[in-house]
N, C-alpha and C. Protein backbone atom coordinates (compact mmCIF):
# COMPACT_ATOMS: atom_id res chain seq x y z
N UNK A 1 0.85 -1.18 0.00
CA UNK A 1 0.00 0.00 0.00
C UNK A 1 0.89 1.23 0.00
N UNK A 2 0.63 2.12 -0.90
CA UNK A 2 1.43 3.33 -0.99
C UNK A 2 0.98 4.34 0.06
N UNK A 3 1.83 5.30 0.29
CA UNK A 3 1.52 6.34 1.28
C UNK A 3 0.27 7.12 0.87
N UNK A 4 0.15 7.39 -0.43
CA UNK A 4 -1.00 8.17 -0.90
C UNK A 4 -2.31 7.39 -0.67
N UNK A 5 -2.28 6.08 -0.93
CA UNK A 5 -3.48 5.27 -0.69
C UNK A 5 -3.85 5.25 0.79
N UNK A 6 -2.84 5.15 1.64
CA UNK A 6 -3.10 5.12 3.08
C UNK A 6 -3.71 6.43 3.56
N UNK A 7 -3.19 7.53 3.06
CA UNK A 7 -3.72 8.84 3.44
C UNK A 7 -5.15 9.00 2.93
N UNK A 8 -5.41 8.54 1.70
CA UNK A 8 -6.76 8.63 1.16
C UNK A 8 -7.74 7.80 1.99
N UNK A 9 -7.32 6.62 2.41
CA UNK A 9 -8.18 5.78 3.25
C UNK A 9 -8.47 6.48 4.57
N UNK A 10 -7.47 7.10 5.15
CA UNK A 10 -7.68 7.83 6.40
C UNK A 10 -8.69 8.95 6.21
N UNK A 11 -8.52 9.73 5.16
CA UNK A 11 -9.43 10.85 4.93
C UNK A 11 -10.85 10.38 4.65
N UNK A 12 -10.98 9.35 3.82
CA UNK A 12 -12.32 8.86 3.51
C UNK A 12 -12.99 8.24 4.73
N UNK A 13 -12.22 7.55 5.57
CA UNK A 13 -12.82 6.98 6.78
C UNK A 13 -13.24 8.09 7.75
N UNK A 14 -12.46 9.16 7.83
CA UNK A 14 -12.83 10.28 8.71
C UNK A 14 -14.09 10.97 8.20
N UNK A 15 -14.17 11.16 6.90
CA UNK A 15 -15.36 11.79 6.33
C UNK A 15 -16.57 10.88 6.49
N UNK A 16 -16.37 9.58 6.29
CA UNK A 16 -17.45 8.61 6.48
C UNK A 16 -17.95 8.59 7.91
N UNK A 17 -17.03 8.67 8.87
CA UNK A 17 -17.44 8.71 10.28
C UNK A 17 -18.24 9.97 10.58
N UNK A 18 -17.82 11.10 10.03
CA UNK A 18 -18.57 12.34 10.23
C UNK A 18 -19.98 12.24 9.65
N UNK A 19 -20.08 11.67 8.47
CA UNK A 19 -21.40 11.50 7.85
C UNK A 19 -22.27 10.59 8.71
N UNK A 20 -21.70 9.50 9.21
CA UNK A 20 -22.47 8.59 10.08
C UNK A 20 -22.92 9.29 11.36
N UNK A 21 -22.05 10.08 11.95
CA UNK A 21 -22.41 10.80 13.17
C UNK A 21 -23.53 11.79 12.95
N UNK A 22 -23.46 12.52 11.85
CA UNK A 22 -24.51 13.50 11.54
C UNK A 22 -25.82 12.78 11.21
N UNK A 23 -25.72 11.70 10.44
CA UNK A 23 -26.93 10.95 10.07
C UNK A 23 -27.61 10.36 11.30
N UNK A 24 -26.83 9.81 12.22
CA UNK A 24 -27.42 9.25 13.42
C UNK A 24 -28.02 10.34 14.30
N UNK A 25 -27.39 11.49 14.34
CA UNK A 25 -27.95 12.60 15.11
C UNK A 25 -29.28 13.07 14.52
N UNK A 26 -29.35 13.16 13.21
CA UNK A 26 -30.61 13.56 12.56
C UNK A 26 -31.67 12.49 12.79
N UNK A 27 -31.26 11.22 12.70
CA UNK A 27 -32.21 10.13 12.96
C UNK A 27 -32.72 10.18 14.39
N UNK A 28 -31.89 10.63 15.31
CA UNK A 28 -32.31 10.77 16.70
C UNK A 28 -33.42 11.78 16.87
N UNK A 29 -33.44 12.80 16.04
CA UNK A 29 -34.53 13.79 16.09
C UNK A 29 -35.82 13.24 15.49
N UNK A 30 -35.70 12.35 14.53
CA UNK A 30 -36.87 11.88 13.78
C UNK A 30 -37.66 10.81 14.52
N UNK A 31 -36.95 9.87 15.17
CA UNK A 31 -37.65 8.76 15.83
C UNK A 31 -38.28 9.24 17.13
N UNK A 32 -39.25 8.43 17.60
CA UNK A 32 -39.94 8.85 18.83
C UNK A 32 -39.05 8.61 20.04
N UNK A 33 -39.09 9.42 21.02
CA UNK A 33 -39.81 10.68 21.13
C UNK A 33 -39.15 11.74 20.25
N UNK A 34 -39.96 12.36 19.42
CA UNK A 34 -39.47 13.31 18.42
C UNK A 34 -38.82 14.51 19.11
N UNK A 35 -37.65 14.90 18.60
CA UNK A 35 -36.96 16.08 19.11
C UNK A 35 -36.08 15.80 20.32
N UNK A 36 -35.97 14.56 20.71
CA UNK A 36 -35.16 14.21 21.88
C UNK A 36 -34.10 13.21 21.44
N UNK A 37 -32.85 13.49 21.75
CA UNK A 37 -31.74 12.63 21.33
C UNK A 37 -31.24 11.84 22.53
N UNK A 38 -31.04 10.55 22.34
CA UNK A 38 -30.53 9.68 23.39
C UNK A 38 -29.07 10.02 23.71
N UNK A 39 -28.66 9.71 24.92
CA UNK A 39 -27.27 9.96 25.31
C UNK A 39 -26.30 9.14 24.47
N UNK A 40 -26.70 7.92 24.10
CA UNK A 40 -25.81 7.07 23.31
C UNK A 40 -25.59 7.65 21.91
N UNK A 41 -26.61 8.30 21.36
CA UNK A 41 -26.46 8.94 20.04
C UNK A 41 -25.50 10.12 20.15
N UNK A 42 -25.62 10.90 21.19
CA UNK A 42 -24.70 12.02 21.38
C UNK A 42 -23.28 11.53 21.60
N UNK A 43 -23.14 10.43 22.34
CA UNK A 43 -21.81 9.87 22.58
C UNK A 43 -21.19 9.41 21.27
N UNK A 44 -21.97 8.72 20.44
CA UNK A 44 -21.46 8.25 19.14
C UNK A 44 -21.08 9.43 18.25
N UNK A 45 -21.91 10.46 18.22
CA UNK A 45 -21.61 11.64 17.40
C UNK A 45 -20.31 12.30 17.88
N UNK A 46 -20.14 12.37 19.18
CA UNK A 46 -18.91 12.96 19.72
C UNK A 46 -17.69 12.11 19.35
N UNK A 47 -17.82 10.80 19.40
CA UNK A 47 -16.71 9.93 19.04
C UNK A 47 -16.34 10.05 17.57
N UNK A 48 -17.33 10.21 16.72
CA UNK A 48 -17.03 10.39 15.29
C UNK A 48 -16.29 11.70 15.05
N UNK A 49 -16.66 12.73 15.79
CA UNK A 49 -15.97 14.02 15.64
C UNK A 49 -14.55 13.95 16.18
N UNK A 50 -14.36 13.23 17.27
CA UNK A 50 -13.01 13.06 17.83
C UNK A 50 -12.13 12.30 16.85
N UNK A 51 -12.67 11.23 16.28
CA UNK A 51 -11.92 10.43 15.31
C UNK A 51 -11.52 11.27 14.10
N UNK A 52 -12.48 11.97 13.53
CA UNK A 52 -12.19 12.79 12.35
C UNK A 52 -11.19 13.90 12.69
N UNK A 53 -11.36 14.52 13.84
CA UNK A 53 -10.43 15.56 14.25
C UNK A 53 -9.02 15.03 14.45
N UNK A 54 -8.92 13.84 14.99
CA UNK A 54 -7.59 13.27 15.20
C UNK A 54 -6.94 12.91 13.87
N UNK A 55 -7.71 12.40 12.93
CA UNK A 55 -7.15 12.06 11.61
C UNK A 55 -6.66 13.32 10.91
N UNK A 56 -7.51 14.34 10.85
CA UNK A 56 -7.14 15.57 10.14
C UNK A 56 -6.05 16.32 10.90
N UNK A 57 -6.18 16.42 12.20
CA UNK A 57 -5.22 17.19 12.99
C UNK A 57 -3.84 16.58 13.03
N UNK A 58 -3.76 15.27 13.21
CA UNK A 58 -2.46 14.61 13.29
C UNK A 58 -1.76 14.67 11.94
N UNK A 59 -2.49 14.43 10.86
CA UNK A 59 -1.83 14.45 9.55
C UNK A 59 -1.33 15.85 9.21
N UNK A 60 -2.08 16.86 9.55
CA UNK A 60 -1.63 18.24 9.28
C UNK A 60 -0.40 18.56 10.13
N UNK A 61 -0.40 18.15 11.39
CA UNK A 61 0.73 18.42 12.28
C UNK A 61 1.99 17.70 11.79
N UNK A 62 1.85 16.42 11.45
CA UNK A 62 3.00 15.64 11.00
C UNK A 62 3.55 16.20 9.69
N UNK A 63 2.67 16.52 8.76
CA UNK A 63 3.13 17.09 7.48
C UNK A 63 3.85 18.41 7.69
N UNK A 64 3.34 19.25 8.59
CA UNK A 64 3.97 20.54 8.87
C UNK A 64 5.35 20.35 9.47
N UNK A 65 5.47 19.45 10.43
CA UNK A 65 6.77 19.20 11.07
C UNK A 65 7.75 18.60 10.07
N UNK A 66 7.27 17.68 9.24
CA UNK A 66 8.15 17.06 8.25
C UNK A 66 8.70 18.10 7.29
N UNK A 67 7.83 18.98 6.80
CA UNK A 67 8.29 20.02 5.87
C UNK A 67 9.22 21.01 6.56
N UNK A 68 8.97 21.28 7.83
CA UNK A 68 9.85 22.18 8.57
C UNK A 68 11.24 21.58 8.72
N UNK A 69 11.30 20.31 9.02
CA UNK A 69 12.60 19.64 9.18
C UNK A 69 13.33 19.56 7.85
N UNK A 70 12.61 19.20 6.79
CA UNK A 70 13.28 19.11 5.48
C UNK A 70 13.77 20.49 5.02
N UNK A 71 13.02 21.53 5.32
CA UNK A 71 13.47 22.88 4.97
C UNK A 71 14.74 23.25 5.73
N UNK A 72 14.81 22.90 7.01
CA UNK A 72 16.02 23.18 7.79
C UNK A 72 17.21 22.41 7.27
N UNK A 73 17.00 21.15 6.91
CA UNK A 73 18.10 20.34 6.37
C UNK A 73 18.57 20.91 5.04
N UNK A 74 17.64 21.28 4.18
CA UNK A 74 18.02 21.86 2.90
C UNK A 74 18.73 23.19 3.07
N UNK A 75 18.27 23.98 4.03
CA UNK A 75 18.92 25.27 4.30
C UNK A 75 20.33 25.04 4.82
N UNK A 76 20.50 24.07 5.72
CA UNK A 76 21.83 23.76 6.27
C UNK A 76 22.76 23.27 5.17
N UNK A 77 22.26 22.38 4.31
CA UNK A 77 23.08 21.87 3.22
C UNK A 77 23.42 22.98 2.22
N UNK A 78 22.50 23.89 1.99
CA UNK A 78 22.76 25.01 1.09
C UNK A 78 23.84 25.93 1.64
N UNK A 79 23.79 26.22 2.95
CA UNK A 79 24.80 27.08 3.58
C UNK A 79 26.15 26.36 3.61
N UNK A 80 26.16 25.07 3.78
CA UNK A 80 27.40 24.32 3.85
C UNK A 80 28.09 24.30 2.48
N UNK A 81 27.32 24.22 1.39
CA UNK A 81 27.89 24.20 0.05
C UNK A 81 28.46 25.55 -0.33
N UNK A 82 27.87 26.64 0.21
CA UNK A 82 28.32 27.99 -0.13
C UNK A 82 29.70 28.27 0.44
N UNK A 83 30.03 27.64 1.57
CA UNK A 83 31.34 27.91 2.23
C UNK A 83 32.44 27.25 1.53
């Protein structure tokens, strides 16, 4: 499995979890008693948001740090070649 495929699977699973959380929350409003959401539905919706946030947040953080480190290495190698 390539890195790009793995990242795509992570993103699609996070989006899928968000869709499931929103759909279950909407379904909680529709079923009886109408307008009242069960605690378990709220818990599931919160877990889907935590999962999606962790997928998006961690990947953005790791990519930012990786690019920062590679920029520093390239800058160091560039300064070393100039001397």
